[in-house]
Amino acid sequence: MSFFQTDSLPTKANFLPITEQELKWNLYVTGAGFDDMRPGRSFVNEGRPELYRLEQYKNRILPEYVFIYIVDGAGEYISDLGGSLTVKKGDVFILFPGSEHQLIPDKEVGWKDVWITANGPYIHSLTQNGILDPRQPIVSSPSTAEKIAGRIERLCSQILDSPQVNSPFYAADLLGLLIEIGGCQTSSNPPDVLPRLQLSSQPPDSTQIVQNACKEIWNWGHQEIDIKLLAKKLNVNRRTLERYFNKELNRTIREEIHRCRIYRAITLLQQTNVKIEQIALMAGFPSYVHMIRVFKRMLGKTPGEFRS
């Protein structure tokens, strides 16, 4: 059943509570909703956290993945990762965390959409392995997109009906959604995926290694990061990786991890009403006390003082 059986339904969203329990899952849903962006009218999604609001022609950056199904209409999706793409009725596309983007409905027809927001190590691993590609965010197979759209609608309906509950069943439904998307993306784009899994015959230089390390840190900064294992994954030892960081960025790996977590925390402090203790866990700090220490050292104030 479609959310848009009439033209009178308002925009609606629900963002689920995320506790320490959900953060232990490899996959979890953070919210759901739908938008009715009428033609010729500017839009601001009042009633939802500032972080998630859409403002016409204004860039936005989200800390998680968003899976969007265009129920009706058309428009433009612009991101710093995938460029400018046209989206239309029936399309399913993905917003990637950390990507600066705009969603611009067509002035003549507008658009209506249904969406799910989600996060967790499992989704990040799909991106790292090329299953989800920020350069190709639109699910291109019509038959698969229809199945995915149905899953998004059903899951969104469940979440909007139970606004104060985050259930492992949502994660199970989300896993099914990702399996559908992954099968579509890998089957439709094999020439692009396979070459990126091949090893280069030339050893990477220090700049490339640091860039790869930063990508790992910013993708996985919400979890504990073992620097020795990070170096091993990049085929260097820890001392060499530390030396490369000092050379390229003039800071240590640990400082980069703290920068990542502070950025996440600042975004949540400024643009949501989530409790500070919960933000510490969502940003990747092992405890609220640890986040306070890092904030004081790097910003000269506590998270509470920063929010006020």
C-alpha atoms as a PDB file:
ATOM      1  CA  MET A   1       0.000   0.000   0.000  1.00  0.00           C
ATOM      2  CA  SER A   2       1.417   3.386  -0.992  1.00  0.00           C
ATOM      3  CA  PHE A   3       1.591   6.256   1.475  1.00  0.00           C
ATOM      4  CA  PHE A   4       0.425   8.620  -1.257  1.00  0.00           C
ATOM      5  CA  GLN A   5      -3.092   7.586  -2.104  1.00  0.00           C
ATOM      6  CA  THR A   6      -4.289  11.192  -1.764  1.00  0.00           C
ATOM      7  CA  ASP A   7      -2.692  14.593  -2.300  1.00  0.00           C
ATOM      8  CA  SER A   8      -3.474  15.794   1.208  1.00  0.00           C
ATOM      9  CA  LEU A   9      -1.025  13.801   3.340  1.00  0.00           C
ATOM     10  CA  PRO A  10       1.551  15.956   5.147  1.00  0.00           C
ATOM     11  CA  THR A  11       5.276  15.342   5.367  1.00  0.00           C
ATOM     12  CA  LYS A  12       6.014  13.034   8.293  1.00  0.00           C
ATOM     13  CA  ALA A  13       9.120  11.608   9.961  1.00  0.00           C
ATOM     14  CA  ASN A  14      10.032   9.510  12.976  1.00  0.00           C
ATOM     15  CA  PHE A  15      13.550   9.143  14.367  1.00  0.00           C
ATOM     16  CA  LEU A  16      14.000   6.083  16.553  1.00  0.00           C
ATOM     17  CA  PRO A  17      15.763   5.981  19.939  1.00  0.00           C
ATOM     18  CA  ILE A  18      19.316   4.627  19.593  1.00  0.00           C
ATOM     19  CA  THR A  19      20.702   3.104  22.797  1.00  0.00           C
ATOM     20  CA  GLU A  20      23.907   1.284  23.590  1.00  0.00           C
ATOM     21  CA  GLN A  21      22.103  -1.944  22.727  1.00  0.00           C
ATOM     22  CA  GLU A  22      21.326  -0.872  19.149  1.00  0.00           C
ATOM     23  CA  LEU A  23      24.883   0.358  18.669  1.00  0.00           C
ATOM     24  CA  LYS A  24      26.123  -3.182  19.346  1.00  0.00           C
ATOM     25  CA  TRP A  25      24.181  -4.478  16.344  1.00  0.00           C
ATOM     26  CA  ASN A  26      25.936  -4.686  12.992  1.00  0.00           C
ATOM     27  CA  LEU A  27      22.904  -3.033  11.413  1.00  0.00           C
ATOM     28  CA  TYR A  28      20.205  -0.744  12.781  1.00  0.00           C
ATOM     29  CA  VAL A  29      17.465   1.572  11.549  1.00  0.00           C
ATOM     30  CA  THR A  30      17.547   5.172  12.817  1.00  0.00           C
ATOM     31  CA  GLY A  31      14.408   6.649  11.270  1.00  0.00           C
ATOM     32  CA  ALA A  32      11.817   6.730   8.503  1.00  0.00           C
ATOM     33  CA  GLY A  33       9.338   9.063   6.889  1.00  0.00           C
ATOM     34  CA  PHE A  34       7.931  10.564   3.719  1.00  0.00           C
ATOM     35  CA  ASP A  35       8.014  13.945   1.989  1.00  0.00           C
ATOM     36  CA  ASP A  36       5.535  15.710  -0.257  1.00  0.00           C
ATOM     37  CA  MET A  37       7.496  18.388  -2.117  1.00  0.00           C
ATOM     38  CA  ARG A  38       4.860  20.287  -4.062  1.00  0.00           C
ATOM     39  CA  PRO A  39       5.746  21.824  -7.447  1.00  0.00           C
ATOM     40  CA  GLY A  40       6.864  25.429  -7.412  1.00  0.00           C
ATOM     41  CA  ARG A  41       7.039  25.612  -3.628  1.00  0.00           C
ATOM     42  CA  SER A  42      10.165  25.882  -1.486  1.00  0.00           C
ATOM     43  CA  PHE A  43      10.376  23.276   1.240  1.00  0.00           C
ATOM     44  CA  VAL A  44      11.686  23.102   4.773  1.00  0.00           C
ATOM     45  CA  ASN A  45      10.794  20.032   6.802  1.00  0.00           C
ATOM     46  CA  GLU A  46       9.684  21.665  10.040  1.00  0.00           C
ATOM     47  CA  GLY A  47       9.143  19.460  13.052  1.00  0.00           C
ATOM     48  CA  ARG A  48      12.224  17.294  12.550  1.00  0.00           C
ATOM     49  CA  PRO A  49      15.792  17.800  13.863  1.00  0.00           C
ATOM     50  CA  GLU A  50      17.774  20.480  12.049  1.00  0.00           C
ATOM     51  CA  LEU A  51      20.263  17.853  10.938  1.00  0.00           C
ATOM     52  CA  TYR A  52      17.618  16.123   8.808  1.00  0.00           C
ATOM     53  CA  ARG A  53      15.820  19.115   7.358  1.00  0.00           C
ATOM     54  CA  LEU A  54      15.792  19.701   3.625  1.00  0.00           C
ATOM     55  CA  GLU A  55      16.094  23.300   2.504  1.00  0.00           C
ATOM     56  CA  GLN A  56      15.892  24.141  -1.165  1.00  0.00           C
ATOM     57  CA  TYR A  57      19.306  24.769  -2.766  1.00  0.00           C
ATOM     58  CA  LYS A  58      21.087  24.306   0.553  1.00  0.00           C
ATOM     59  CA  ASN A  59      23.662  21.551   0.984  1.00  0.00           C
ATOM     60  CA  ARG A  60      23.195  18.972   3.716  1.00  0.00           C
ATOM     61  CA  ILE A  61      25.498  16.335   5.254  1.00  0.00           C
ATOM     62  CA  LEU A  62      24.106  13.327   7.140  1.00  0.00           C
ATOM     63  CA  PRO A  63      25.927  10.916   9.485  1.00  0.00           C
ATOM     64  CA  GLU A  64      24.145   7.833   8.143  1.00  0.00           C
ATOM     65  CA  TYR A  65      22.718   6.157   5.045  1.00  0.00           C
ATOM     66  CA  VAL A  66      19.327   7.119   3.584  1.00  0.00           C
ATOM     67  CA  PHE A  67      17.387   4.878   1.180  1.00  0.00           C
ATOM     68  CA  ILE A  68      14.812   6.883  -0.795  1.00  0.00           C
ATOM     69  CA  TYR A  69      11.996   5.710  -3.050  1.00  0.00           C
ATOM     70  CA  ILE A  70      10.438   8.289  -5.394  1.00  0.00           C
ATOM     71  CA  VAL A  71       6.708   7.574  -5.266  1.00  0.00           C
ATOM     72  CA  ASP A  72       5.779  10.305  -7.731  1.00  0.00           C
ATOM     73  CA  GLY A  73       7.312  13.241  -9.608  1.00  0.00           C
ATOM     74  CA  ALA A  74      10.947  13.875 -10.482  1.00  0.00           C
ATOM     75  CA  GLY A  75      13.924  16.053  -9.640  1.00  0.00           C
ATOM     76  CA  GLU A  76      17.672  16.280  -9.238  1.00  0.00           C
ATOM     77  CA  TYR A  77      20.022  14.646  -6.739  1.00  0.00           C
ATOM     78  CA  ILE A  78      23.382  16.444  -6.473  1.00  0.00           C
ATOM     79  CA  SER A  79      26.256  15.134  -4.337  1.00  0.00           C
ATOM     80  CA  ASP A  80      29.973  15.747  -4.029  1.00  0.00           C
ATOM     81  CA  LEU A  81      30.517  12.017  -4.622  1.00  0.00           C
ATOM     82  CA  GLY A  82      28.237  11.236  -7.557  1.00  0.00           C
ATOM     83  CA  GLY A  83      27.704  14.614  -9.240  1.00  0.00           C
ATOM     84  CA  SER A  84      24.280  15.625 -10.594  1.00  0.00           C
ATOM     85  CA  LEU A  85      21.736  12.899 -11.351  1.00  0.00           C
ATOM     86  CA  THR A  86      18.104  12.959 -12.473  1.00  0.00           C
ATOM     87  CA  VAL A  87      15.695  10.956 -10.331  1.00  0.00           C
ATOM     88  CA  LYS A  88      12.115  10.140 -11.291  1.00  0.00           C
ATOM     89  CA  LYS A  89       9.031   8.199 -10.246  1.00  0.00           C
ATOM     90  CA  GLY A  90       9.897   4.593  -9.448  1.00  0.00           C
ATOM     91  CA  ASP A  91      13.586   5.263  -8.739  1.00  0.00           C
ATOM     92  CA  VAL A  92      15.321   4.132  -5.560  1.00  0.00           C
ATOM     93  CA  PHE A  93      18.531   5.891  -4.610  1.00  0.00           C
ATOM     94  CA  ILE A  94      20.966   6.129  -1.698  1.00  0.00           C
ATOM     95  CA  LEU A  95      22.388   9.079   0.245  1.00  0.00           C
ATOM     96  CA  PHE A  96      25.801   8.234   1.705  1.00  0.00           C
ATOM     97  CA  PRO A  97      27.086   9.418   5.112  1.00  0.00           C
ATOM     98  CA  GLY A  98      29.482  12.354   5.026  1.00  0.00           C
ATOM     99  CA  SER A  99      28.442  13.284   1.490  1.00  0.00           C
ATOM    100  CA  GLU A 100      27.438  16.893   0.877  1.00  0.00           C
ATOM    101  CA  HIS A 101      24.225  16.809  -1.142  1.00  0.00           C
ATOM    102  CA  GLN A 102      21.108  18.603  -2.361  1.00  0.00           C
ATOM    103  CA  LEU A 103      17.697  17.252  -3.350  1.00  0.00           C
ATOM    104  CA  ILE A 104      15.918  19.537  -5.833  1.00  0.00           C
ATOM    105  CA  PRO A 105      12.352  18.625  -6.906  1.00  0.00           C
ATOM    106  CA  ASP A 106      11.294  19.480 -10.448  1.00  0.00           C
ATOM    107  CA  LYS A 107       9.572  22.875 -10.486  1.00  0.00           C
ATOM    108  CA  GLU A 108       6.754  21.589 -12.671  1.00  0.00           C
ATOM    109  CA  VAL A 109       5.865  18.300 -10.967  1.00  0.00           C
ATOM    110  CA  GLY A 110       7.625  18.267  -7.567  1.00  0.00           C
ATOM    111  CA  TRP A 111       8.118  14.863  -5.980  1.00  0.00           C
ATOM    112  CA  LYS A 112       6.862  12.569  -3.249  1.00  0.00           C
ATOM    113  CA  ASP A 113       9.169  10.116  -1.532  1.00  0.00           C
ATOM    114  CA  VAL A 114       9.403   7.487   1.195  1.00  0.00           C
ATOM    115  CA  TRP A 115      12.710   6.967   3.019  1.00  0.00           C
ATOM    116  CA  ILE A 116      14.593   4.926   5.620  1.00  0.00           C
ATOM    117  CA  THR A 117      17.710   6.070   7.518  1.00  0.00           C
ATOM    118  CA  ALA A 118      20.135   3.429   8.799  1.00  0.00           C
ATOM    119  CA  ASN A 119      23.655   2.810   9.993  1.00  0.00           C
ATOM    120  CA  GLY A 120      26.004   0.119  11.272  1.00  0.00           C
ATOM    121  CA  PRO A 121      29.251  -1.656  10.335  1.00  0.00           C
ATOM    122  CA  TYR A 122      27.467  -3.973   7.897  1.00  0.00           C
ATOM    123  CA  ILE A 123      26.366  -1.135   5.599  1.00  0.00           C
ATOM    124  CA  HIS A 124      29.809   0.476   5.724  1.00  0.00           C
ATOM    125  CA  SER A 125      31.377  -2.847   4.745  1.00  0.00           C
ATOM    126  CA  LEU A 126      29.133  -2.977   1.655  1.00  0.00           C
ATOM    127  CA  THR A 127      30.448   0.430   0.622  1.00  0.00           C
ATOM    128  CA  GLN A 128      34.066  -0.485   1.293  1.00  0.00           C
ATOM    129  CA  ASN A 129      33.740  -3.634  -0.800  1.00  0.00           C
ATOM    130  CA  GLY A 130      32.154  -1.811  -3.728  1.00  0.00           C
ATOM    131  CA  ILE A 131      28.672  -3.324  -3.342  1.00  0.00           C
ATOM    132  CA  LEU A 132      27.217   0.121  -2.628  1.00  0.00           C
ATOM    133  CA  ASP A 133      28.922   2.724  -4.806  1.00  0.00           C
ATOM    134  CA  PRO A 134      28.554   6.463  -4.041  1.00  0.00           C
ATOM    135  CA  ARG A 135      29.271   7.191  -7.707  1.00  0.00           C
ATOM    136  CA  GLN A 136      26.266   5.088  -8.757  1.00  0.00           C
ATOM    137  CA  PRO A 137      23.653   5.727  -6.062  1.00  0.00           C
ATOM    138  CA  ILE A 138      20.554   4.940  -8.153  1.00  0.00           C
ATOM    139  CA  VAL A 139      19.255   1.350  -8.156  1.00  0.00           C
ATOM    140  CA  SER A 140      19.107   0.836 -11.887  1.00  0.00           C
ATOM    141  CA  SER A 141      17.188  -2.422 -12.430  1.00  0.00           C
ATOM    142  CA  PRO A 142      13.433  -1.631 -12.755  1.00  0.00           C
ATOM    143  CA  SER A 143      12.314  -5.052 -11.510  1.00  0.00           C
ATOM    144  CA  THR A 144      14.627  -4.948  -8.485  1.00  0.00           C
ATOM    145  CA  ALA A 145      13.812  -1.298  -7.740  1.00  0.00           C
ATOM    146  CA  GLU A 146      10.130  -2.235  -7.502  1.00  0.00           C
ATOM    147  CA  LYS A 147      10.873  -4.922  -4.904  1.00  0.00           C
ATOM    148  CA  ILE A 148      13.141  -2.558  -2.963  1.00  0.00           C
ATOM    149  CA  ALA A 149      10.502   0.176  -3.049  1.00  0.00           C
ATOM    150  CA  GLY A 150       7.981  -2.216  -1.543  1.00  0.00           C
ATOM    151  CA  ARG A 151      10.373  -3.088   1.266  1.00  0.00           C
ATOM    152  CA  ILE A 152      11.050   0.587   2.001  1.00  0.00           C
ATOM    153  CA  GLU A 153       7.316   1.376   2.146  1.00  0.00           C
ATOM    154  CA  ARG A 154       6.521  -1.538   4.435  1.00  0.00           C
ATOM    155  CA  LEU A 155       9.370  -0.809   6.831  1.00  0.00           C
ATOM    156  CA  CYS A 156       8.550   2.907   6.883  1.00  0.00           C
ATOM    157  CA  SER A 157       4.912   2.125   7.702  1.00  0.00           C
ATOM    158  CA  GLN A 158       5.958  -0.079  10.648  1.00  0.00           C
ATOM    159  CA  ILE A 159       8.283   2.569  12.050  1.00  0.00           C
ATOM    160  CA  LEU A 160       5.742   5.373  11.778  1.00  0.00           C
ATOM    161  CA  ASP A 161       3.186   3.191  13.571  1.00  0.00           C
ATOM    162  CA  SER A 162       5.565   2.518  16.509  1.00  0.00           C
ATOM    163  CA  PRO A 163       7.386   5.824  17.096  1.00  0.00           C
ATOM    164  CA  GLN A 164       9.039   4.953  20.421  1.00  0.00           C
ATOM    165  CA  VAL A 165      10.289   1.463  19.603  1.00  0.00           C
ATOM    166  CA  ASN A 166      13.473   0.307  17.874  1.00  0.00           C
ATOM    167  CA  SER A 167      13.133  -3.374  17.102  1.00  0.00           C
ATOM    168  CA  PRO A 168      15.627  -5.990  15.887  1.00  0.00           C
ATOM    169  CA  PHE A 169      12.909  -6.937  13.392  1.00  0.00           C
ATOM    170  CA  TYR A 170      13.527  -3.575  11.691  1.00  0.00           C
ATOM    171  CA  ALA A 171      17.181  -4.564  11.315  1.00  0.00           C
ATOM    172  CA  ALA A 172      16.122  -7.915   9.829  1.00  0.00           C
ATOM    173  CA  ASP A 173      13.881  -6.149   7.304  1.00  0.00           C
ATOM    174  CA  LEU A 174      16.687  -3.721   6.519  1.00  0.00           C
ATOM    175  CA  LEU A 175      19.036  -6.642   5.872  1.00  0.00           C
ATOM    176  CA  GLY A 176      16.585  -7.991   3.298  1.00  0.00           C
ATOM    177  CA  LEU A 177      16.494  -4.551   1.682  1.00  0.00           C
ATOM    178  CA  LEU A 178      20.297  -4.434   1.478  1.00  0.00           C
ATOM    179  CA  ILE A 179      20.468  -7.922   0.001  1.00  0.00           C
ATOM    180  CA  GLU A 180      18.068  -6.819  -2.749  1.00  0.00           C
ATOM    181  CA  ILE A 181      20.097  -3.658  -3.398  1.00  0.00           C
ATOM    182  CA  GLY A 182      23.424  -5.497  -3.292  1.00  0.00           C
ATOM    183  CA  GLY A 183      22.236  -8.109  -5.764  1.00  0.00           C
ATOM    184  CA  CYS A 184      21.009  -5.401  -8.116  1.00  0.00           C
ATOM    185  CA  GLN A 185      24.157  -3.298  -7.926  1.00  0.00           C
ATOM    186  CA  THR A 186      26.629  -6.150  -8.345  1.00  0.00           C
ATOM    187  CA  SER A 187      24.716  -7.780 -11.199  1.00  0.00           C
ATOM    188  CA  SER A 188      24.198  -4.534 -13.111  1.00  0.00           C
ATOM    189  CA  ASN A 189      27.713  -3.134 -12.719  1.00  0.00           C
ATOM    190  CA  PRO A 190      30.252  -6.011 -12.836  1.00  0.00           C
ATOM    191  CA  PRO A 191      32.759  -4.243 -15.138  1.00  0.00           C
ATOM    192  CA  ASP A 192      33.028  -1.349 -12.653  1.00  0.00           C
ATOM    193  CA  VAL A 193      33.194  -3.400  -9.456  1.00  0.00           C
ATOM    194  CA  LEU A 194      35.798  -5.996 -10.413  1.00  0.00           C
ATOM    195  CA  PRO A 195      38.671  -3.713 -11.481  1.00  0.00           C
ATOM    196  CA  ARG A 196      38.483  -1.800  -8.194  1.00  0.00           C
ATOM    197  CA  LEU A 197      39.088  -5.065  -6.306  1.00  0.00           C
ATOM    198  CA  GLN A 198      42.343  -5.743  -8.124  1.00  0.00           C
ATOM    199  CA  LEU A 199      45.639  -4.894  -6.452  1.00  0.00           C
ATOM    200  CA  SER A 200      47.783  -2.223  -8.048  1.00  0.00           C
ATOM    201  CA  SER A 201      51.180  -3.318  -9.315  1.00  0.00           C
ATOM    202  CA  GLN A 202      52.694  -0.122  -7.871  1.00  0.00           C
ATOM    203  CA  PRO A 203      53.108   0.265  -4.089  1.00  0.00           C
ATOM    204  CA  PRO A 204      50.984   3.126  -2.703  1.00  0.00           C
ATOM    205  CA  ASP A 205      52.791   6.279  -1.608  1.00  0.00           C
ATOM    206  CA  SER A 206      52.456   7.907   1.813  1.00  0.00           C
ATOM    207  CA  THR A 207      49.685  10.259   0.617  1.00  0.00           C
ATOM    208  CA  GLN A 208      47.546   7.400  -0.653  1.00  0.00           C
ATOM    209  CA  ILE A 209      48.104   5.350   2.503  1.00  0.00           C
ATOM    210  CA  VAL A 210      47.084   8.282   4.719  1.00  0.00           C
ATOM    211  CA  GLN A 211      44.015   8.932   2.562  1.00  0.00           C
ATOM    212  CA  ASN A 212      43.019   5.260   2.853  1.00  0.00           C
ATOM    213  CA  ALA A 213      43.599   5.371   6.610  1.00  0.00           C
ATOM    214  CA  CYS A 214      41.441   8.479   6.968  1.00  0.00           C
ATOM    215  CA  LYS A 215      38.674   6.809   4.968  1.00  0.00           C
ATOM    216  CA  GLU A 216      38.767   3.855   7.380  1.00  0.00           C
ATOM    217  CA  ILE A 217      38.725   6.182  10.393  1.00  0.00           C
ATOM    218  CA  TRP A 218      35.819   8.295   9.154  1.00  0.00           C
ATOM    219  CA  ASN A 219      33.822   5.218   8.126  1.00  0.00           C
ATOM    220  CA  TRP A 220      34.417   3.321  11.355  1.00  0.00           C
ATOM    221  CA  GLY A 221      35.074   6.094  13.893  1.00  0.00           C
ATOM    222  CA  HIS A 222      31.853   5.276  15.734  1.00  0.00           C
ATOM    223  CA  GLN A 223      33.517   2.011  16.826  1.00  0.00           C
ATOM    224  CA  GLU A 224      36.735   1.170  18.651  1.00  0.00           C
ATOM    225  CA  ILE A 225      39.694   1.421  16.255  1.00  0.00           C
ATOM    226  CA  ASP A 226      42.830  -0.652  16.820  1.00  0.00           C
ATOM    227  CA  ILE A 227      45.642   1.359  15.221  1.00  0.00           C
ATOM    228  CA  LYS A 228      47.896  -1.686  14.885  1.00  0.00           C
ATOM    229  CA  LEU A 229      45.178  -3.560  12.978  1.00  0.00           C
ATOM    230  CA  LEU A 230      44.492  -0.463  10.878  1.00  0.00           C
ATOM    231  CA  ALA A 231      48.155  -0.331   9.847  1.00  0.00           C
ATOM    232  CA  LYS A 232      48.160  -4.052   9.068  1.00  0.00           C
ATOM    233  CA  LYS A 233      45.112  -3.613   6.840  1.00  0.00           C
ATOM    234  CA  LEU A 234      47.030  -0.937   4.906  1.00  0.00           C
ATOM    235  CA  ASN A 235      50.124  -3.190   4.602  1.00  0.00           C
ATOM    236  CA  VAL A 236      52.391  -1.010   6.736  1.00  0.00           C
ATOM    237  CA  ASN A 237      53.506  -1.196  10.349  1.00  0.00           C
ATOM    238  CA  ARG A 238      52.152   1.148  13.005  1.00  0.00           C
ATOM    239  CA  ARG A 239      55.344   3.213  13.277  1.00  0.00           C
ATOM    240  CA  THR A 240      55.378   3.810   9.509  1.00  0.00           C
ATOM    241  CA  LEU A 241      51.722   4.806   9.507  1.00  0.00           C
ATOM    242  CA  GLU A 242      52.296   7.241  12.386  1.00  0.00           C
ATOM    243  CA  ARG A 243      55.240   8.735  10.492  1.00  0.00           C
ATOM    244  CA  TYR A 244      53.124   9.146   7.340  1.00  0.00           C
ATOM    245  CA  PHE A 245      50.398  10.923   9.339  1.00  0.00           C
ATOM    246  CA  ASN A 246      52.907  13.376  10.819  1.00  0.00           C
ATOM    247  CA  LYS A 247      54.356  13.989   7.368  1.00  0.00           C
ATOM    248  CA  GLU A 248      51.068  14.448   5.504  1.00  0.00           C
ATOM    249  CA  LEU A 249      48.751  15.932   8.162  1.00  0.00           C
ATOM    250  CA  ASN A 250      51.054  17.099  10.952  1.00  0.00           C
ATOM    251  CA  ARG A 251      49.027  15.145  13.531  1.00  0.00           C
ATOM    252  CA  THR A 252      48.843  11.649  14.961  1.00  0.00           C
ATOM    253  CA  ILE A 253      46.414   8.876  14.053  1.00  0.00           C
ATOM    254  CA  ARG A 254      44.785   9.154  17.477  1.00  0.00           C
ATOM    255  CA  GLU A 255      44.242  12.880  16.914  1.00  0.00           C
ATOM    256  CA  GLU A 256      42.559  12.098  13.591  1.00  0.00           C
ATOM    257  CA  ILE A 257      40.258   9.603  15.318  1.00  0.00           C
ATOM    258  CA  HIS A 258      39.368  12.257  17.900  1.00  0.00           C
ATOM    259  CA  ARG A 259      38.736  14.821  15.125  1.00  0.00           C
ATOM    260  CA  CYS A 260      36.329  12.374  13.471  1.00  0.00           C
ATOM    261  CA  ARG A 261      34.443  11.692  16.688  1.00  0.00           C
ATOM    262  CA  ILE A 262      34.304  15.344  17.704  1.00  0.00           C
ATOM    263  CA  TYR A 263      32.898  16.263  14.284  1.00  0.00           C
ATOM    264  CA  ARG A 264      30.165  13.645  14.685  1.00  0.00           C
ATOM    265  CA  ALA A 265      29.443  14.821  18.230  1.00  0.00           C
ATOM    266  CA  ILE A 266      29.342  18.517  17.271  1.00  0.00           C
ATOM    267  CA  THR A 267      26.877  17.801  14.473  1.00  0.00           C
ATOM    268  CA  LEU A 268      24.588  15.916  16.851  1.00  0.00           C
ATOM    269  CA  LEU A 269      24.961  18.526  19.619  1.00  0.00           C
ATOM    270  CA  GLN A 270      24.104  21.401  17.299  1.00  0.00           C
ATOM    271  CA  GLN A 271      21.357  19.828  15.250  1.00  0.00           C
ATOM    272  CA  THR A 272      19.541  17.319  17.474  1.00  0.00           C
ATOM    273  CA  ASN A 273      18.077  17.102  20.983  1.00  0.00           C
ATOM    274  CA  VAL A 274      19.686  13.724  21.682  1.00  0.00           C
ATOM    275  CA  LYS A 275      21.047  13.414  25.241  1.00  0.00           C
ATOM    276  CA  ILE A 276      24.766  14.126  25.515  1.00  0.00           C
ATOM    277  CA  GLU A 277      25.495  10.743  27.118  1.00  0.00           C
ATOM    278  CA  GLN A 278      23.904   9.042  24.103  1.00  0.00           C
ATOM    279  CA  ILE A 279      25.800  11.294  21.668  1.00  0.00           C
ATOM    280  CA  ALA A 280      29.083  10.118  23.221  1.00  0.00           C
ATOM    281  CA  LEU A 281      28.246   6.529  22.259  1.00  0.00           C
ATOM    282  CA  MET A 282      26.911   7.448  18.816  1.00  0.00           C
ATOM    283  CA  ALA A 283      30.066   9.436  18.031  1.00  0.00           C
ATOM    284  CA  GLY A 284      32.348   6.554  19.033  1.00  0.00           C
ATOM    285  CA  PHE A 285      33.687   7.707  22.397  1.00  0.00           C
ATOM    286  CA  PRO A 286      34.057   4.836  24.889  1.00  0.00           C
ATOM    287  CA  SER A 287      32.275   6.912  27.545  1.00  0.00           C
ATOM    288  CA  TYR A 288      30.743  10.310  28.271  1.00  0.00           C
ATOM    289  CA  VAL A 289      33.657  11.106  30.598  1.00  0.00           C
ATOM    290  CA  HIS A 290      36.143  10.376  27.809  1.00  0.00           C
ATOM    291  CA  MET A 291      34.261  12.678  25.425  1.00  0.00           C
ATOM    292  CA  ILE A 292      34.411  15.474  28.022  1.00  0.00           C
ATOM    293  CA  ARG A 293      38.196  15.091  28.314  1.00  0.00           C
ATOM    294  CA  VAL A 294      38.688  15.194  24.533  1.00  0.00           C
ATOM    295  CA  PHE A 295      36.369  18.201  24.159  1.00  0.00           C
ATOM    296  CA  LYS A 296      38.200  20.146  26.859  1.00  0.00           C
ATOM    297  CA  ARG A 297      41.591  19.361  25.363  1.00  0.00           C
ATOM    298  CA  MET A 298      40.684  20.125  21.749  1.00  0.00           C
ATOM    299  CA  LEU A 299      37.951  22.782  22.062  1.00  0.00           C
ATOM    300  CA  GLY A 300      38.525  24.230  25.510  1.00  0.00           C
ATOM    301  CA  LYS A 301      34.956  23.509  26.698  1.00  0.00           C
ATOM    302  CA  THR A 302      32.711  20.614  27.666  1.00  0.00           C
ATOM    303  CA  PRO A 303      30.050  19.169  25.334  1.00  0.00           C
ATOM    304  CA  GLY A 304      27.372  20.753  27.522  1.00  0.00           C
ATOM    305  CA  GLU A 305      29.013  24.162  27.271  1.00  0.00           C
ATOM    306  CA  PHE A 306      29.345  23.726  23.518  1.00  0.00           C
ATOM    307  CA  ARG A 307      25.634  22.899  23.142  1.00  0.00           C
ATOM    308  CA  SER A 308      24.527  25.876  25.254  1.00  0.00           C
END
